[in-house]
Structure formats: C-alpha cells, structure tokens
Amino acid sequence: MITKKDFEIMRKELDDFDSQREILIRKSREAVKLSKKVIYSVHRNEIKQSDGFMKQIKSAVAELDKAAKKTPAFYYSGPFKIAIQEFVEAACYLEFVKNRNIPSAKELKVDTEYYLLGLCDLTGELVRKAINSAINNDYDKALFIKKFVNDIYNELMLFEFRNELRKKFDSIKYDLKKLDELALGIKLKK
C-alpha cells in the first residue's frame, strides 16, 4: 500500500526536477542571447568582441551540458535543443568569417542532430553576409559564400531528414535562390 511518505518522496522528486528545469531554461536563454551577440558582432565586423562572447557562450553551453547530464531528459527538451543549435550557428558563423571554414560537430562537442539544425540556420546569416559584401563591392566574397552554401546544401541533400530538420533543410533552398539572384546581379554588373 502506498503511504504518505511515498507521496512526499514523489513530490520532492518532482519539485527537484522543476527546480533543475528552471535552471536549464535560464541557462538556455543566456546561451541564446550570447549566440545572438556573437552573430550581431560578426555582422558589424567586431571580431574581438565576438571572440569574447564566444568564450562566454562556451562556458554557458558547458553548464547546460552538465545540467543535462544530471537529468538526461533535458537533452531532448526544447530549451536545451534551441540553445545548442543557436550555439552551433554562432560558432560556425564566427569561424567562417575568420577562416572561411566551419567547425565540425565533434569539434563543438554537440549532438549531430543539433549540429545540423544549427548548420541549416547558418545559411541565413551567410546570405546576409553575402548581400552586405556585394553592397560593399566585395563580389568575390559574396560569390565564395554562394559556393559555400551550395556545397553545404549538396552535402545535406544526401540525408533523409524528417520533421524539424526537414523544414530547416528546405529553407536552405530559399537561401540559395537569393544567392543565385545575387550572383546573377554581380555577373550582369561586371
């Protein structure tokens, strides 16, 4: 027979879970905010500032990971998932602008699915960078970005995505269309 003590134990377990979940949500928000700061700083060519924000976000992601290890259900929660994909987007964008390359999921120490979600989001930032490059008459950079996004798209086409990843992957087609139009405009201008 279930006792009053059993109910007390269950209440405590749920209260502890809720407390940990609130911490995870707060840390996730912090990681998302820092990701946006990295991206906005990169768009303004404030790379030193972006590097500082990136150090902060790596620390926030490490704390998130630690919280998720305590409660594995958090790995699949919305706040954790969003924070990690935003981190991936920011880290890849910063690395692309600095070195024309992006880190792997392994280098970022993130789950493959979350990495791919962030990578799909990255293409939107790259389109913005390409447009701004073209506006500033840096046509070579704009065309390089178009090729880079096209290469990402071609690799991702080899996957059989479902659900959220499918939707995000499909959005890359629209990004490529914008880049194709930009490239055509550049070719016509030359």
N, C-alpha and C. Protein backbone atom coordinates (compact mmCIF):
# COMPACT_ATOMS: atom_id res chain seq x y z
N MET A 1 0.83 -1.19 0.00
CA MET A 1 0.00 0.00 0.00
C MET A 1 0.88 1.25 0.00
N ILE A 2 0.44 2.23 -0.75
CA ILE A 2 1.20 3.48 -0.84
C ILE A 2 0.97 4.31 0.42
N THR A 3 2.04 4.93 0.89
CA THR A 3 1.95 5.68 2.16
C THR A 3 2.11 7.17 1.91
N LYS A 4 1.83 7.91 2.95
CA LYS A 4 2.01 9.36 2.91
C LYS A 4 3.47 9.70 2.60
N LYS A 5 4.37 8.92 3.15
CA LYS A 5 5.81 9.12 2.93
C LYS A 5 6.14 8.94 1.44
N ASP A 6 5.51 7.96 0.78
CA ASP A 6 5.73 7.75 -0.65
C ASP A 6 5.32 8.99 -1.45
N PHE A 7 4.20 9.58 -1.10
CA PHE A 7 3.74 10.79 -1.78
C PHE A 7 4.70 11.96 -1.54
N GLU A 8 5.22 12.06 -0.34
CA GLU A 8 6.18 13.11 -0.03
C GLU A 8 7.44 12.95 -0.88
N ILE A 9 7.90 11.73 -1.03
CA ILE A 9 9.10 11.45 -1.84
C ILE A 9 8.84 11.85 -3.29
N MET A 10 7.67 11.47 -3.83
CA MET A 10 7.34 11.80 -5.22
C MET A 10 7.23 13.31 -5.42
N ARG A 11 6.62 14.00 -4.44
CA ARG A 11 6.53 15.47 -4.53
C ARG A 11 7.91 16.09 -4.57
N LYS A 12 8.80 15.59 -3.71
CA LYS A 12 10.16 16.13 -3.67
C LYS A 12 10.87 15.88 -5.00
N GLU A 13 10.71 14.67 -5.56
CA GLU A 13 11.33 14.37 -6.86
C GLU A 13 10.85 15.33 -7.94
N LEU A 14 9.55 15.57 -8.00
CA LEU A 14 9.00 16.48 -9.00
C LEU A 14 9.42 17.93 -8.75
N ASP A 15 9.47 18.32 -7.48
CA ASP A 15 9.93 19.68 -7.15
C ASP A 15 11.39 19.87 -7.55
N ASP A 16 12.21 18.86 -7.29
CA ASP A 16 13.63 18.92 -7.67
C ASP A 16 13.77 19.01 -9.19
N PHE A 17 12.99 18.19 -9.90
CA PHE A 17 13.02 18.21 -11.36
C PHE A 17 12.64 19.59 -11.88
N ASP A 18 11.56 20.17 -11.32
CA ASP A 18 11.12 21.50 -11.75
C ASP A 18 12.18 22.56 -11.47
N SER A 19 12.85 22.45 -10.33
CA SER A 19 13.90 23.42 -9.99
C SER A 19 15.06 23.31 -10.98
N GLN A 20 15.47 22.09 -11.29
CA GLN A 20 16.54 21.89 -12.26
C GLN A 20 16.12 22.36 -13.64
N ARG A 21 14.86 22.14 -13.99
CA ARG A 21 14.35 22.57 -15.30
C ARG A 21 14.39 24.09 -15.41
N GLU A 22 14.02 24.79 -14.34
CA GLU A 22 14.07 26.26 -14.35
C GLU A 22 15.50 26.76 -14.54
N ILE A 23 16.45 26.09 -13.90
CA ILE A 23 17.86 26.45 -14.08
C ILE A 23 18.26 26.23 -15.53
N LEU A 24 17.87 25.09 -16.11
CA LEU A 24 18.18 24.80 -17.50
C LEU A 24 17.59 25.86 -18.43
N ILE A 25 16.35 26.24 -18.19
CA ILE A 25 15.70 27.26 -19.03
C ILE A 25 16.46 28.58 -18.95
N ARG A 26 16.84 28.97 -17.76
CA ARG A 26 17.58 30.23 -17.57
C ARG A 26 18.93 30.17 -18.29
N LYS A 27 19.65 29.07 -18.13
CA LYS A 27 20.95 28.93 -18.78
C LYS A 27 20.80 28.85 -20.31
N SER A 28 19.72 28.24 -20.76
CA SER A 28 19.46 28.17 -22.21
C SER A 28 19.22 29.55 -22.77
N ARG A 29 18.43 30.35 -22.08
CA ARG A 29 18.19 31.73 -22.54
C ARG A 29 19.49 32.51 -22.61
N GLU A 30 20.34 32.32 -21.62
CA GLU A 30 21.63 33.00 -21.60
C GLU A 30 22.46 32.60 -22.82
N ALA A 31 22.48 31.31 -23.14
CA ALA A 31 23.24 30.83 -24.30
C ALA A 31 22.67 31.41 -25.60
N VAL A 32 21.35 31.48 -25.71
CA VAL A 32 20.72 32.03 -26.92
C VAL A 32 21.07 33.51 -27.06
N LYS A 33 20.99 34.26 -25.96
CA LYS A 33 21.33 35.69 -26.01
C LYS A 33 22.78 35.90 -26.43
N LEU A 34 23.67 35.09 -25.87
CA LEU A 34 25.09 35.21 -26.23
C LEU A 34 25.32 34.84 -27.69
N SER A 35 24.59 33.86 -28.18
CA SER A 35 24.71 33.48 -29.60
C SER A 35 24.34 34.65 -30.49
N LYS A 36 23.26 35.31 -30.16
CA LYS A 36 22.82 36.47 -30.95
C LYS A 36 23.87 37.58 -30.89
N LYS A 37 24.47 37.77 -29.72
CA LYS A 37 25.52 38.78 -29.59
C LYS A 37 26.72 38.45 -30.47
N VAL A 38 27.08 37.17 -30.53
CA VAL A 38 28.19 36.75 -31.40
C VAL A 38 27.85 37.10 -32.85
N ILE A 39 26.67 36.69 -33.29
CA ILE A 39 26.28 36.90 -34.69
C ILE A 39 26.21 38.38 -35.03
N TYR A 40 25.58 39.18 -34.17
CA TYR A 40 25.47 40.61 -34.45
C TYR A 40 26.84 41.28 -34.46
N SER A 41 27.72 40.85 -33.57
CA SER A 41 29.08 41.42 -33.54
C SER A 41 29.84 41.06 -34.82
N VAL A 42 29.67 39.84 -35.28
CA VAL A 42 30.35 39.43 -36.52
C VAL A 42 29.82 40.25 -37.69
N HIS A 43 28.52 40.47 -37.75
CA HIS A 43 27.95 41.28 -38.84
C HIS A 43 28.51 42.70 -38.83
N ARG A 44 28.86 43.19 -37.65
CA ARG A 44 29.43 44.54 -37.54
C ARG A 44 30.96 44.51 -37.63
N ASN A 45 31.52 43.34 -37.94
CA ASN A 45 32.97 43.15 -38.05
C ASN A 45 33.71 43.44 -36.74
N GLU A 46 33.07 43.18 -35.63
CA GLU A 46 33.67 43.34 -34.30
C GLU A 46 34.12 41.96 -33.82
N ILE A 47 35.17 41.47 -34.44
CA ILE A 47 35.60 40.08 -34.23
C ILE A 47 36.14 39.86 -32.81
N LYS A 48 36.89 40.81 -32.29
CA LYS A 48 37.41 40.66 -30.93
C LYS A 48 36.26 40.52 -29.93
N GLN A 49 35.25 41.36 -30.11
CA GLN A 49 34.09 41.30 -29.23
C GLN A 49 33.36 39.96 -29.40
N SER A 50 33.27 39.49 -30.63
CA SER A 50 32.64 38.19 -30.91
C SER A 50 33.39 37.06 -30.22
N ASP A 51 34.72 37.13 -30.25
CA ASP A 51 35.52 36.10 -29.58
C ASP A 51 35.24 36.08 -28.08
N GLY A 52 35.09 37.26 -27.49
CA GLY A 52 34.76 37.34 -26.06
C GLY A 52 33.41 36.73 -25.76
N PHE A 53 32.43 37.04 -26.58
CA PHE A 53 31.10 36.44 -26.40
C PHE A 53 31.16 34.93 -26.61
N MET A 54 31.99 34.48 -27.55
CA MET A 54 32.09 33.05 -27.82
C MET A 54 32.66 32.31 -26.60
N LYS A 55 33.62 32.91 -25.92
CA LYS A 55 34.14 32.29 -24.69
C LYS A 55 33.02 32.15 -23.66
N GLN A 56 32.21 33.20 -23.55
CA GLN A 56 31.10 33.16 -22.59
C GLN A 56 30.08 32.09 -22.95
N ILE A 57 29.76 31.99 -24.24
CA ILE A 57 28.75 31.01 -24.65
C ILE A 57 29.28 29.59 -24.47
N LYS A 58 30.55 29.37 -24.71
CA LYS A 58 31.11 28.03 -24.49
C LYS A 58 30.98 27.63 -23.03
N SER A 59 31.19 28.58 -22.15
CA SER A 59 31.03 28.32 -20.72
C SER A 59 29.57 28.03 -20.39
N ALA A 60 28.65 28.80 -20.97
CA ALA A 60 27.21 28.59 -20.73
C ALA A 60 26.78 27.22 -21.26
N VAL A 61 27.29 26.83 -22.42
CA VAL A 61 26.94 25.53 -23.01
C VAL A 61 27.49 24.40 -22.15
N ALA A 62 28.68 24.59 -21.60
CA ALA A 62 29.26 23.57 -20.72
C ALA A 62 28.38 23.38 -19.48
N GLU A 63 27.87 24.49 -18.94
CA GLU A 63 26.96 24.41 -17.78
C GLU A 63 25.66 23.71 -18.17
N LEU A 64 25.15 24.01 -19.34
CA LEU A 64 23.93 23.35 -19.82
C LEU A 64 24.16 21.85 -19.94
N ASP A 65 25.29 21.50 -20.50
CA ASP A 65 25.62 20.09 -20.68
C ASP A 65 25.70 19.37 -19.34
N LYS A 66 26.29 20.06 -18.37
CA LYS A 66 26.40 19.47 -17.03
C LYS A 66 25.01 19.26 -16.42
N ALA A 67 24.13 20.24 -16.60
CA ALA A 67 22.76 20.11 -16.08
C ALA A 67 22.03 18.96 -16.77
N ALA A 68 22.25 18.82 -18.07
CA ALA A 68 21.58 17.76 -18.82
C ALA A 68 22.11 16.39 -18.44
N LYS A 69 23.37 16.31 -18.06
CA LYS A 69 23.93 15.02 -17.63
C LYS A 69 23.30 14.57 -16.32
N LYS A 70 22.96 15.52 -15.47
CA LYS A 70 22.29 15.17 -14.21
C LYS A 70 20.89 14.64 -14.47
N THR A 71 20.24 15.21 -15.47
CA THR A 71 18.87 14.82 -15.80
C THR A 71 18.80 14.61 -17.32
N PRO A 72 19.06 13.39 -17.78
CA PRO A 72 19.13 13.11 -19.22
C PRO A 72 17.90 13.55 -20.03
N ALA A 73 16.75 13.63 -19.43
CA ALA A 73 15.55 14.08 -20.16
C ALA A 73 15.74 15.49 -20.70
N PHE A 74 16.63 16.27 -20.07
CA PHE A 74 16.86 17.64 -20.52
C PHE A 74 17.52 17.70 -21.90
N TYR A 75 18.27 16.65 -22.28
CA TYR A 75 18.92 16.64 -23.59
C TYR A 75 17.91 16.79 -24.72
N TYR A 76 16.70 16.33 -24.48
CA TYR A 76 15.68 16.35 -25.52
C TYR A 76 14.64 17.43 -25.30
N SER A 77 14.90 18.31 -24.37
CA SER A 77 13.94 19.39 -24.08
C SER A 77 14.14 20.54 -25.06
N GLY A 78 13.09 21.28 -25.29
CA GLY A 78 13.13 22.41 -26.21
C GLY A 78 14.20 23.44 -25.89
N PRO A 79 14.27 23.90 -24.64
CA PRO A 79 15.27 24.94 -24.33
C PRO A 79 16.70 24.49 -24.60
N PHE A 80 17.02 23.26 -24.23
CA PHE A 80 18.38 22.76 -24.46
C PHE A 80 18.67 22.68 -25.95
N LYS A 81 17.74 22.12 -26.69
CA LYS A 81 17.90 21.93 -28.14
C LYS A 81 18.11 23.28 -28.85
N ILE A 82 17.31 24.26 -28.51
CA ILE A 82 17.41 25.58 -29.12
C ILE A 82 18.75 26.24 -28.78
N ALA A 83 19.14 26.14 -27.52
CA ALA A 83 20.40 26.75 -27.09
C ALA A 83 21.58 26.15 -27.85
N ILE A 84 21.58 24.84 -28.02
CA ILE A 84 22.70 24.19 -28.70
C ILE A 84 22.72 24.54 -30.18
N GLN A 85 21.56 24.54 -30.82
CA GLN A 85 21.59 24.88 -32.25
C GLN A 85 21.96 26.34 -32.46
N GLU A 86 21.58 27.23 -31.58
CA GLU A 86 21.99 28.64 -31.68
C GLU A 86 23.49 28.78 -31.46
N PHE A 87 24.02 28.01 -30.52
CA PHE A 87 25.46 27.99 -30.28
C PHE A 87 26.21 27.54 -31.54
N VAL A 88 25.71 26.47 -32.16
CA VAL A 88 26.33 25.94 -33.38
C VAL A 88 26.32 27.01 -34.47
N GLU A 89 25.18 27.65 -34.65
CA GLU A 89 25.06 28.69 -35.68
C GLU A 89 26.08 29.79 -35.43
N ALA A 90 26.17 30.27 -34.19
CA ALA A 90 27.09 31.36 -33.86
C ALA A 90 28.55 30.94 -34.03
N ALA A 91 28.88 29.75 -33.53
CA ALA A 91 30.27 29.27 -33.61
C ALA A 91 30.68 29.08 -35.07
N CYS A 92 29.80 28.52 -35.87
CA CYS A 92 30.11 28.29 -37.28
C CYS A 92 30.23 29.61 -38.04
N TYR A 93 29.34 30.54 -37.73
CA TYR A 93 29.39 31.83 -38.43
C TYR A 93 30.68 32.58 -38.12
N LEU A 94 31.04 32.62 -36.85
CA LEU A 94 32.28 33.30 -36.45
C LEU A 94 33.49 32.64 -37.11
N GLU A 95 33.54 31.33 -37.09
CA GLU A 95 34.68 30.62 -37.69
C GLU A 95 34.71 30.82 -39.20
N PHE A 96 33.54 30.85 -39.84
CA PHE A 96 33.50 31.07 -41.28
C PHE A 96 34.07 32.45 -41.63
N VAL A 97 33.66 33.45 -40.90
CA VAL A 97 34.12 34.82 -41.20
C VAL A 97 35.62 34.95 -40.92
N LYS A 98 36.09 34.31 -39.88
CA LYS A 98 37.51 34.40 -39.55
C LYS A 98 38.39 33.57 -40.47
N ASN A 99 37.94 32.35 -40.82
CA ASN A 99 38.82 31.41 -41.51
C ASN A 99 38.23 30.73 -42.75
N ARG A 100 37.03 31.18 -43.16
CA ARG A 100 36.35 30.58 -44.33
C ARG A 100 36.17 29.08 -44.18
N ASN A 101 35.88 28.67 -42.97
CA ASN A 101 35.67 27.27 -42.66
C ASN A 101 34.69 27.18 -41.50
N ILE A 102 34.16 26.00 -41.23
CA ILE A 102 33.29 25.84 -40.06
C ILE A 102 33.75 24.64 -39.24
N PRO A 103 33.56 24.71 -37.93
CA PRO A 103 33.94 23.57 -37.09
C PRO A 103 32.96 22.42 -37.25
N SER A 104 33.42 21.23 -36.95
CA SER A 104 32.57 20.04 -37.02
C SER A 104 31.75 19.89 -35.73
N ALA A 105 30.79 18.99 -35.77
CA ALA A 105 30.01 18.68 -34.57
C ALA A 105 30.92 18.15 -33.48
N LYS A 106 31.89 17.35 -33.89
CA LYS A 106 32.84 16.79 -32.93
C LYS A 106 33.66 17.89 -32.26
N GLU A 107 34.13 18.84 -33.06
CA GLU A 107 34.92 19.95 -32.51
C GLU A 107 34.10 20.79 -31.53
N LEU A 108 32.82 20.95 -31.83
CA LEU A 108 31.94 21.74 -30.95
C LEU A 108 31.38 20.91 -29.80
N LYS A 109 31.59 19.59 -29.87
CA LYS A 109 31.12 18.66 -28.83
C LYS A 109 29.61 18.71 -28.68
N VAL A 110 28.93 18.62 -29.83
CA VAL A 110 27.46 18.65 -29.81
C VAL A 110 26.89 17.46 -30.58
N ASP A 111 25.66 17.15 -30.29
CA ASP A 111 24.92 16.08 -30.94
C ASP A 111 24.76 16.38 -32.43
N THR A 112 24.81 15.36 -33.26
CA THR A 112 24.71 15.53 -34.72
C THR A 112 23.43 16.25 -35.13
N GLU A 113 22.30 15.84 -34.58
CA GLU A 113 21.03 16.48 -34.97
C GLU A 113 21.04 17.97 -34.64
N TYR A 114 21.50 18.32 -33.46
CA TYR A 114 21.52 19.73 -33.07
C TYR A 114 22.52 20.51 -33.91
N TYR A 115 23.63 19.86 -34.28
CA TYR A 115 24.61 20.49 -35.16
C TYR A 115 23.97 20.80 -36.52
N LEU A 116 23.28 19.83 -37.08
CA LEU A 116 22.66 20.02 -38.39
C LEU A 116 21.58 21.11 -38.35
N LEU A 117 20.84 21.18 -37.26
CA LEU A 117 19.85 22.25 -37.11
C LEU A 117 20.53 23.62 -37.12
N GLY A 118 21.61 23.74 -36.38
CA GLY A 118 22.37 25.00 -36.36
C GLY A 118 22.99 25.33 -37.70
N LEU A 119 23.46 24.30 -38.39
CA LEU A 119 24.06 24.49 -39.71
C LEU A 119 23.02 25.00 -40.71
N CYS A 120 21.82 24.47 -40.63
CA CYS A 120 20.74 24.96 -41.51
C CYS A 120 20.44 26.44 -41.23
N ASP A 121 20.47 26.83 -39.96
CA ASP A 121 20.24 28.24 -39.61
C ASP A 121 21.40 29.13 -40.08
N LEU A 122 22.59 28.58 -40.10
CA LEU A 122 23.78 29.33 -40.51
C LEU A 122 23.62 29.93 -41.90
N THR A 123 22.97 29.22 -42.80
CA THR A 123 22.88 29.70 -44.18
C THR A 123 22.18 31.05 -44.28
N GLY A 124 21.22 31.30 -43.41
CA GLY A 124 20.54 32.60 -43.41
C GLY A 124 21.51 33.74 -43.08
N GLU A 125 22.39 33.50 -42.13
CA GLU A 125 23.39 34.52 -41.78
C GLU A 125 24.40 34.70 -42.91
N LEU A 126 24.72 33.61 -43.58
CA LEU A 126 25.65 33.70 -44.70
C LEU A 126 25.05 34.48 -45.87
N VAL A 127 23.75 34.32 -46.09
CA VAL A 127 23.07 35.11 -47.14
C VAL A 127 23.19 36.59 -46.80
N ARG A 128 22.93 36.92 -45.56
CA ARG A 128 23.03 38.32 -45.13
C ARG A 128 24.45 38.85 -45.33
N LYS A 129 25.44 38.02 -44.99
CA LYS A 129 26.85 38.41 -45.16
C LYS A 129 27.17 38.61 -46.64
N ALA A 130 26.65 37.72 -47.50
CA ALA A 130 26.91 37.83 -48.94
C ALA A 130 26.29 39.11 -49.50
N ILE A 131 25.07 39.41 -49.09
CA ILE A 131 24.41 40.63 -49.57
C ILE A 131 25.18 41.86 -49.12
N ASN A 132 25.58 41.88 -47.86
CA ASN A 132 26.36 43.02 -47.36
C ASN A 132 27.70 43.13 -48.07
N SER A 133 28.30 42.00 -48.40
CA SER A 133 29.57 42.01 -49.13
C SER A 133 29.37 42.60 -50.52
N ALA A 134 28.30 42.20 -51.19
CA ALA A 134 28.02 42.72 -52.53
C ALA A 134 27.74 44.22 -52.47
N ILE A 135 27.01 44.65 -51.46
CA ILE A 135 26.73 46.09 -51.30
C ILE A 135 28.04 46.87 -51.17
N ASN A 136 29.02 46.25 -50.49
CA ASN A 136 30.32 46.89 -50.29
C ASN A 136 31.32 46.56 -51.40
N ASN A 137 30.80 46.10 -52.54
CA ASN A 137 31.60 45.79 -53.73
C ASN A 137 32.63 44.68 -53.53
N ASP A 138 32.42 43.83 -52.54
CA ASP A 138 33.30 42.68 -52.33
C ASP A 138 32.61 41.47 -52.98
N TYR A 139 32.63 41.48 -54.31
CA TYR A 139 31.92 40.47 -55.07
C TYR A 139 32.53 39.08 -54.91
N ASP A 140 33.84 39.01 -54.76
CA ASP A 140 34.48 37.71 -54.60
C ASP A 140 33.99 37.01 -53.33
N LYS A 141 33.87 37.78 -52.25
CA LYS A 141 33.39 37.20 -51.00
C LYS A 141 31.93 36.74 -51.16
N ALA A 142 31.12 37.54 -51.79
CA ALA A 142 29.71 37.17 -52.00
C ALA A 142 29.61 35.89 -52.80
N LEU A 143 30.40 35.77 -53.85
CA LEU A 143 30.36 34.56 -54.69
C LEU A 143 30.95 33.35 -53.96
N PHE A 144 31.95 33.57 -53.13
CA PHE A 144 32.50 32.48 -52.32
C PHE A 144 31.43 31.95 -51.36
N ILE A 145 30.70 32.87 -50.75
CA ILE A 145 29.64 32.46 -49.83
C ILE A 145 28.57 31.66 -50.56
N LYS A 146 28.22 32.10 -51.77
CA LYS A 146 27.23 31.36 -52.56
C LYS A 146 27.71 29.93 -52.80
N LYS A 147 28.96 29.78 -53.19
CA LYS A 147 29.51 28.45 -53.43
C LYS A 147 29.52 27.63 -52.14
N PHE A 148 29.87 28.24 -51.04
CA PHE A 148 29.95 27.56 -49.74
C PHE A 148 28.57 27.05 -49.33
N VAL A 149 27.55 27.91 -49.44
CA VAL A 149 26.19 27.50 -49.09
C VAL A 149 25.72 26.39 -50.03
N ASN A 150 26.06 26.50 -51.29
CA ASN A 150 25.71 25.46 -52.26
C ASN A 150 26.36 24.13 -51.88
N ASP A 151 27.62 24.18 -51.45
CA ASP A 151 28.32 22.96 -51.02
C ASP A 151 27.64 22.33 -49.80
N ILE A 152 27.24 23.17 -48.85
CA ILE A 152 26.52 22.67 -47.66
C ILE A 152 25.23 21.99 -48.11
N TYR A 153 24.50 22.67 -48.97
CA TYR A 153 23.22 22.14 -49.46
C TYR A 153 23.42 20.79 -50.15
N ASN A 154 24.42 20.70 -51.00
CA ASN A 154 24.68 19.45 -51.71
C ASN A 154 25.00 18.30 -50.75
N GLU A 155 25.74 18.59 -49.70
CA GLU A 155 26.04 17.55 -48.71
C GLU A 155 24.79 17.16 -47.93
N LEU A 156 24.00 18.14 -47.55
CA LEU A 156 22.79 17.85 -46.76
C LEU A 156 21.73 17.12 -47.58
N MET A 157 21.78 17.27 -48.90
CA MET A 157 20.83 16.57 -49.76
C MET A 157 20.98 15.05 -49.65
N LEU A 158 22.12 14.58 -49.21
CA LEU A 158 22.38 13.16 -49.11
C LEU A 158 21.72 12.52 -47.88
N PHE A 159 21.18 13.35 -47.00
CA PHE A 159 20.48 12.86 -45.81
C PHE A 159 19.00 12.65 -46.13
N GLU A 160 18.35 11.86 -45.32
CA GLU A 160 16.90 11.71 -45.40
C GLU A 160 16.31 12.30 -44.13
N PHE A 161 16.09 13.61 -44.16
CA PHE A 161 15.60 14.32 -42.99
C PHE A 161 14.11 14.14 -42.80
N ARG A 162 13.70 14.25 -41.54
CA ARG A 162 12.29 14.24 -41.18
C ARG A 162 12.03 15.40 -40.22
N ASN A 163 10.78 15.72 -40.08
CA ASN A 163 10.31 16.69 -39.09
C ASN A 163 11.02 18.03 -39.17
N GLU A 164 11.49 18.50 -38.01
CA GLU A 164 12.08 19.84 -37.92
C GLU A 164 13.30 20.00 -38.82
N LEU A 165 14.14 18.99 -38.88
CA LEU A 165 15.32 19.07 -39.73
C LEU A 165 14.93 19.21 -41.19
N ARG A 166 13.87 18.55 -41.60
CA ARG A 166 13.40 18.64 -43.00
C ARG A 166 12.99 20.08 -43.31
N LYS A 167 12.24 20.68 -42.40
CA LYS A 167 11.77 22.07 -42.61
C LYS A 167 12.95 23.02 -42.70
N LYS A 168 13.90 22.86 -41.79
CA LYS A 168 15.07 23.75 -41.80
C LYS A 168 15.91 23.54 -43.05
N PHE A 169 16.07 22.29 -43.44
CA PHE A 169 16.83 22.00 -44.65
C PHE A 169 16.15 22.62 -45.87
N ASP A 170 14.83 22.51 -45.94
CA ASP A 170 14.09 23.09 -47.07
C ASP A 170 14.30 24.60 -47.17
N SER A 171 14.51 25.25 -46.04
CA SER A 171 14.71 26.70 -46.07
C SER A 171 16.02 27.08 -46.76
N ILE A 172 16.97 26.16 -46.81
CA ILE A 172 18.24 26.45 -47.49
C ILE A 172 18.00 26.69 -48.98
N LYS A 173 17.01 26.02 -49.55
CA LYS A 173 16.69 26.23 -50.97
C LYS A 173 16.37 27.69 -51.24
N TYR A 174 15.63 28.31 -50.32
CA TYR A 174 15.27 29.72 -50.49
C TYR A 174 16.49 30.62 -50.31
N ASP A 175 17.36 30.23 -49.40
CA ASP A 175 18.61 30.98 -49.24
C ASP A 175 19.45 30.89 -50.51
N LEU A 176 19.51 29.70 -51.09
CA LEU A 176 20.28 29.53 -52.33
C LEU A 176 19.67 30.33 -53.47
N LYS A 177 18.35 30.40 -53.51
CA LYS A 177 17.70 31.19 -54.56
C LYS A 177 18.12 32.66 -54.45
N LYS A 178 18.15 33.18 -53.22
CA LYS A 178 18.59 34.57 -53.02
C LYS A 178 20.03 34.75 -53.47
N LEU A 179 20.87 33.76 -53.14
CA LEU A 179 22.28 33.84 -53.53
C LEU A 179 22.46 33.72 -55.04
N ASP A 180 21.63 32.89 -55.68
CA ASP A 180 21.69 32.78 -57.14
C ASP A 180 21.33 34.12 -57.78
N GLU A 181 20.29 34.76 -57.26
CA GLU A 181 19.89 36.07 -57.79
C GLU A 181 20.99 37.10 -57.56
N LEU A 182 21.62 37.04 -56.40
CA LEU A 182 22.72 37.95 -56.09
C LEU A 182 23.88 37.71 -57.06
N ALA A 183 24.22 36.43 -57.28
CA ALA A 183 25.33 36.10 -58.20
C ALA A 183 25.02 36.56 -59.62
N LEU A 184 23.78 36.39 -60.05
CA LEU A 184 23.38 36.85 -61.38
C LEU A 184 23.54 38.37 -61.47
N GLY A 185 23.11 39.07 -60.44
CA GLY A 185 23.26 40.53 -60.41
C GLY A 185 24.72 40.95 -60.50
N ILE A 186 25.58 40.21 -59.80
CA ILE A 186 27.01 40.52 -59.84
C ILE A 186 27.56 40.27 -61.24
N LYS A 187 27.19 39.17 -61.84
CA LYS A 187 27.67 38.83 -63.20
C LYS A 187 27.20 39.89 -64.21
N LEU A 188 25.95 40.31 -64.08
CA LEU A 188 25.42 41.34 -65.00
C LEU A 188 26.11 42.68 -64.80
N LYS A 189 26.47 42.96 -63.56
CA LYS A 189 27.14 44.23 -63.26
C LYS A 189 28.55 44.27 -63.85
N LYS A 190 29.20 43.11 -63.83
CA LYS A 190 30.57 43.03 -64.39
C LYS A 190 30.48 43.10 -65.88
